[in-house]
Amino acid sequence: MRASMIAPPQRLLTRLFLALALLASLTSVAFSTSLAHAQTMSSDDIVDTAVNAGQFNTLATALEAAGLVDALKGPGPFTVFAPTDAAFAKLPEGTLDSLLANPDQLRAVLTYHVVAGADSAADVSMLQQATTLEGEDVTINAANGMVQVNDATVTTPDIMASNGVVHVIDTVLLPPSLAANSNGQ
């Protein structure tokens, strides 16, 4: 009879030990997952993230010329569809120079690449359109693992910055109102 009284506390102690071991392992996994997530977050803002990447020199120059650097260094959060230097090089000859000479049009083009909020590629792929800071909508099409924003393809998604997220695109987006004005002239 005495042996049966000792067994339940030992089983309870064993179960408690196993539960603590399981809790410790789950805590370890949760900590390492949150550490990995923290490491993917950049302490740099969107502008510094783009400049440090080295493939957005034209974009950085345009942001400066349009007076948008301080705004995109602000708290945000922002989602930026960032055209590379190669994307700017695809513009028709003279277009970039014309935009750089006209800060209002340049500001319209650049803010057409920015959406309020920090939307990951997974979030963006669930949308059909998004309203840009310029005021007009971009159309979004996600199929076969690719995301298109208007005619641009997202080539590198989810570059995290301290004030939002950058999605690299292969084509400069032009607001429909700007395209309509240039066609009417």
Protein backbone atom coordinates (compact mmCIF):
# COMPACT_ATOMS: atom_id res chain seq x y z
CA MET A 1 0.00 0.00 0.00
CA ARG A 2 2.80 2.32 0.74
CA ALA A 3 4.25 1.84 -2.79
CA SER A 4 1.01 2.98 -4.42
CA MET A 5 1.09 6.24 -2.43
CA ILE A 6 4.60 7.02 -3.60
CA ALA A 7 3.95 6.34 -7.30
CA PRO A 8 1.43 9.13 -8.03
CA PRO A 9 3.69 11.95 -6.78
CA GLN A 10 6.59 10.53 -8.81
CA ARG A 11 4.39 10.42 -11.94
CA LEU A 12 3.27 13.95 -11.22
CA LEU A 13 6.84 15.08 -10.83
CA THR A 14 7.80 13.34 -14.09
CA ARG A 15 4.90 14.97 -15.92
CA LEU A 16 5.81 18.36 -14.47
CA PHE A 17 9.42 17.89 -15.57
CA LEU A 18 8.32 16.91 -19.11
CA ALA A 19 5.96 19.89 -19.29
CA LEU A 20 8.75 22.26 -18.23
CA ALA A 21 11.11 20.73 -20.79
CA LEU A 22 8.46 21.17 -23.52
CA LEU A 23 7.83 24.76 -22.44
CA ALA A 24 11.56 25.49 -22.50
CA SER A 25 11.93 24.09 -26.00
CA LEU A 26 8.90 26.03 -27.28
CA THR A 27 10.25 29.22 -25.72
CA SER A 28 13.61 28.58 -27.38
CA VAL A 29 11.95 28.13 -30.80
CA ALA A 30 9.80 31.24 -30.33
CA PHE A 31 12.84 33.28 -29.29
CA SER A 32 14.94 32.14 -32.25
CA THR A 33 12.04 32.84 -34.65
CA SER A 34 11.55 36.36 -33.28
CA LEU A 35 15.32 36.92 -33.41
CA ALA A 36 15.39 35.84 -37.07
CA HIS A 37 12.48 38.21 -37.81
CA ALA A 38 14.25 41.05 -36.03
CA GLN A 39 17.35 40.41 -38.13
CA THR A 40 15.35 40.81 -41.36
CA MET A 41 14.14 44.22 -40.17
CA SER A 42 16.52 47.00 -41.13
CA SER A 43 17.29 49.86 -38.80
CA ASP A 44 17.62 52.01 -41.94
CA ASP A 45 14.65 53.96 -43.27
CA ILE A 46 13.38 53.49 -46.82
CA VAL A 47 15.68 56.12 -48.33
CA ASP A 48 18.84 54.80 -46.64
CA THR A 49 17.86 51.21 -47.50
CA ALA A 50 17.55 52.17 -51.17
CA VAL A 51 20.79 54.15 -51.21
CA ASN A 52 22.72 51.35 -49.48
CA ALA A 53 21.42 48.77 -51.98
CA GLY A 54 23.42 50.44 -54.75
CA GLN A 55 20.89 49.83 -57.54
CA PHE A 56 18.69 52.87 -56.86
CA ASN A 57 21.04 55.78 -57.62
CA THR A 58 18.63 57.33 -60.12
CA LEU A 59 15.74 56.96 -57.67
CA ALA A 60 17.79 58.61 -54.91
CA THR A 61 18.68 61.51 -57.23
CA ALA A 62 15.02 61.89 -58.24
CA LEU A 63 13.82 61.83 -54.61
CA GLU A 64 16.28 64.61 -53.81
CA ALA A 65 15.25 66.68 -56.85
CA ALA A 66 11.56 66.27 -55.96
CA GLY A 67 12.09 67.21 -52.32
CA LEU A 68 10.75 63.86 -51.08
CA VAL A 69 13.73 62.58 -49.07
CA ASP A 70 12.50 63.95 -45.73
CA ALA A 71 8.98 62.62 -46.30
CA LEU A 72 10.25 59.07 -46.99
CA LYS A 73 12.56 59.28 -43.99
CA GLY A 74 9.48 60.02 -41.86
CA PRO A 75 7.69 57.52 -39.64
CA GLY A 76 5.47 56.09 -42.39
CA PRO A 77 4.80 53.30 -42.68
CA PHE A 78 5.16 53.18 -46.46
CA THR A 79 5.15 50.56 -49.17
CA VAL A 80 7.47 51.64 -51.97
CA PHE A 81 7.56 50.04 -55.41
CA ALA A 82 11.15 51.04 -56.18
CA PRO A 83 12.35 51.13 -59.78
CA THR A 84 16.00 50.23 -60.26
CA ASP A 85 18.53 52.22 -62.27
CA ALA A 86 17.88 49.76 -65.13
CA ALA A 87 14.14 50.56 -64.93
CA PHE A 88 14.85 54.28 -65.28
CA ALA A 89 17.16 53.52 -68.22
CA LYS A 90 14.19 51.92 -70.03
CA LEU A 91 12.30 55.24 -70.12
CA PRO A 92 12.13 56.90 -73.56
CA GLU A 93 15.07 59.18 -74.26
CA GLY A 94 14.69 62.59 -72.62
CA THR A 95 11.91 61.50 -70.23
CA LEU A 96 14.08 61.38 -67.12
CA ASP A 97 15.73 64.74 -67.92
CA SER A 98 12.30 66.27 -68.50
CA LEU A 99 11.04 64.94 -65.18
CA LEU A 100 14.12 66.14 -63.30
CA ALA A 101 13.53 69.61 -64.79
CA ASN A 102 9.89 69.62 -63.67
CA PRO A 103 9.69 68.97 -59.89
CA ASP A 104 5.87 68.83 -59.84
CA GLN A 105 5.71 66.10 -62.48
CA LEU A 106 8.64 64.28 -60.88
CA ARG A 107 6.89 64.40 -57.49
CA ALA A 108 3.73 62.98 -59.09
CA VAL A 109 5.68 60.11 -60.68
CA LEU A 110 7.55 59.28 -57.50
CA THR A 111 4.55 59.43 -55.17
CA TYR A 112 2.76 57.14 -57.64
CA HIS A 113 5.26 54.50 -56.48
CA VAL A 114 4.29 54.84 -52.79
CA VAL A 115 1.32 53.39 -50.89
CA ALA A 116 0.51 54.23 -47.27
CA GLY A 117 1.10 51.32 -44.91
CA ALA A 118 3.70 48.57 -44.83
CA ASP A 119 2.35 45.85 -47.12
CA SER A 120 4.36 42.68 -47.57
CA ALA A 121 4.35 40.91 -50.92
CA ALA A 122 1.82 38.47 -49.49
CA ASP A 123 -0.44 41.42 -48.56
CA VAL A 124 0.04 43.11 -51.94
CA SER A 125 -0.71 39.90 -53.83
CA MET A 126 -4.16 39.79 -52.20
CA LEU A 127 -5.06 43.21 -53.65
CA GLN A 128 -6.41 44.09 -57.08
CA GLN A 129 -5.51 47.75 -56.76
CA ALA A 130 -3.97 50.17 -54.29
CA THR A 131 -4.28 53.93 -53.98
CA THR A 132 -0.91 55.66 -54.12
CA LEU A 133 0.17 58.79 -52.29
CA GLU A 134 -0.12 60.57 -55.65
CA GLY A 135 -3.86 59.85 -55.45
CA GLU A 136 -4.34 57.48 -58.38
CA ASP A 137 -4.59 53.70 -58.18
CA VAL A 138 -2.09 51.12 -59.35
CA THR A 139 -3.45 47.80 -60.56
CA ILE A 140 -2.06 44.65 -59.01
CA ASN A 141 -2.06 41.22 -60.55
CA ALA A 142 -0.62 38.20 -58.76
CA ALA A 143 -0.32 34.92 -60.63
CA ASN A 144 2.11 32.02 -60.75
CA GLY A 145 4.17 33.41 -57.89
CA MET A 146 4.75 36.75 -59.63
CA VAL A 147 3.34 40.14 -58.68
CA GLN A 148 2.73 42.82 -61.32
CA VAL A 149 2.07 46.45 -60.46
CA ASN A 150 0.65 48.02 -63.61
CA ASP A 151 3.23 46.93 -66.23
CA ALA A 152 6.07 46.46 -63.73
CA THR A 153 7.13 43.14 -62.27
CA VAL A 154 8.19 42.89 -58.64
CA THR A 155 11.67 41.37 -58.96
CA THR A 156 12.66 41.47 -55.29
CA PRO A 157 9.91 41.64 -52.67
CA ASP A 158 9.93 42.49 -48.98
CA ILE A 159 13.04 44.54 -48.35
CA MET A 160 12.19 45.65 -44.85
CA ALA A 161 13.04 49.14 -43.62
CA SER A 162 12.43 50.80 -40.27
CA ASN A 163 9.50 52.79 -41.71
CA GLY A 164 8.04 50.38 -44.25
CA VAL A 165 8.81 47.90 -46.98
CA VAL A 166 10.39 48.15 -50.42
CA HIS A 167 9.45 45.98 -53.39
CA VAL A 168 11.92 46.27 -56.27
CA ILE A 169 10.29 46.70 -59.70
CA ASP A 170 11.70 46.52 -63.22
CA THR A 171 9.74 49.41 -64.79
CA VAL A 172 9.02 53.01 -63.79
CA LEU A 173 5.32 53.54 -63.09
CA LEU A 174 3.75 56.57 -64.74
CA PRO A 175 0.47 57.96 -63.35
CA PRO A 176 -2.40 57.75 -65.88
CA SER A 177 -3.08 61.49 -65.50
CA LEU A 178 0.50 62.31 -66.48
CA ALA A 179 0.35 59.96 -69.46
CA ALA A 180 -2.99 61.53 -70.52
CA ASN A 181 -1.50 65.05 -70.27
CA SER A 182 1.53 64.12 -72.36
CA ASN A 183 -0.71 62.46 -75.01
CA GLY A 184 -2.92 65.53 -75.20
CA GLN A 185 -0.03 67.92 -75.83
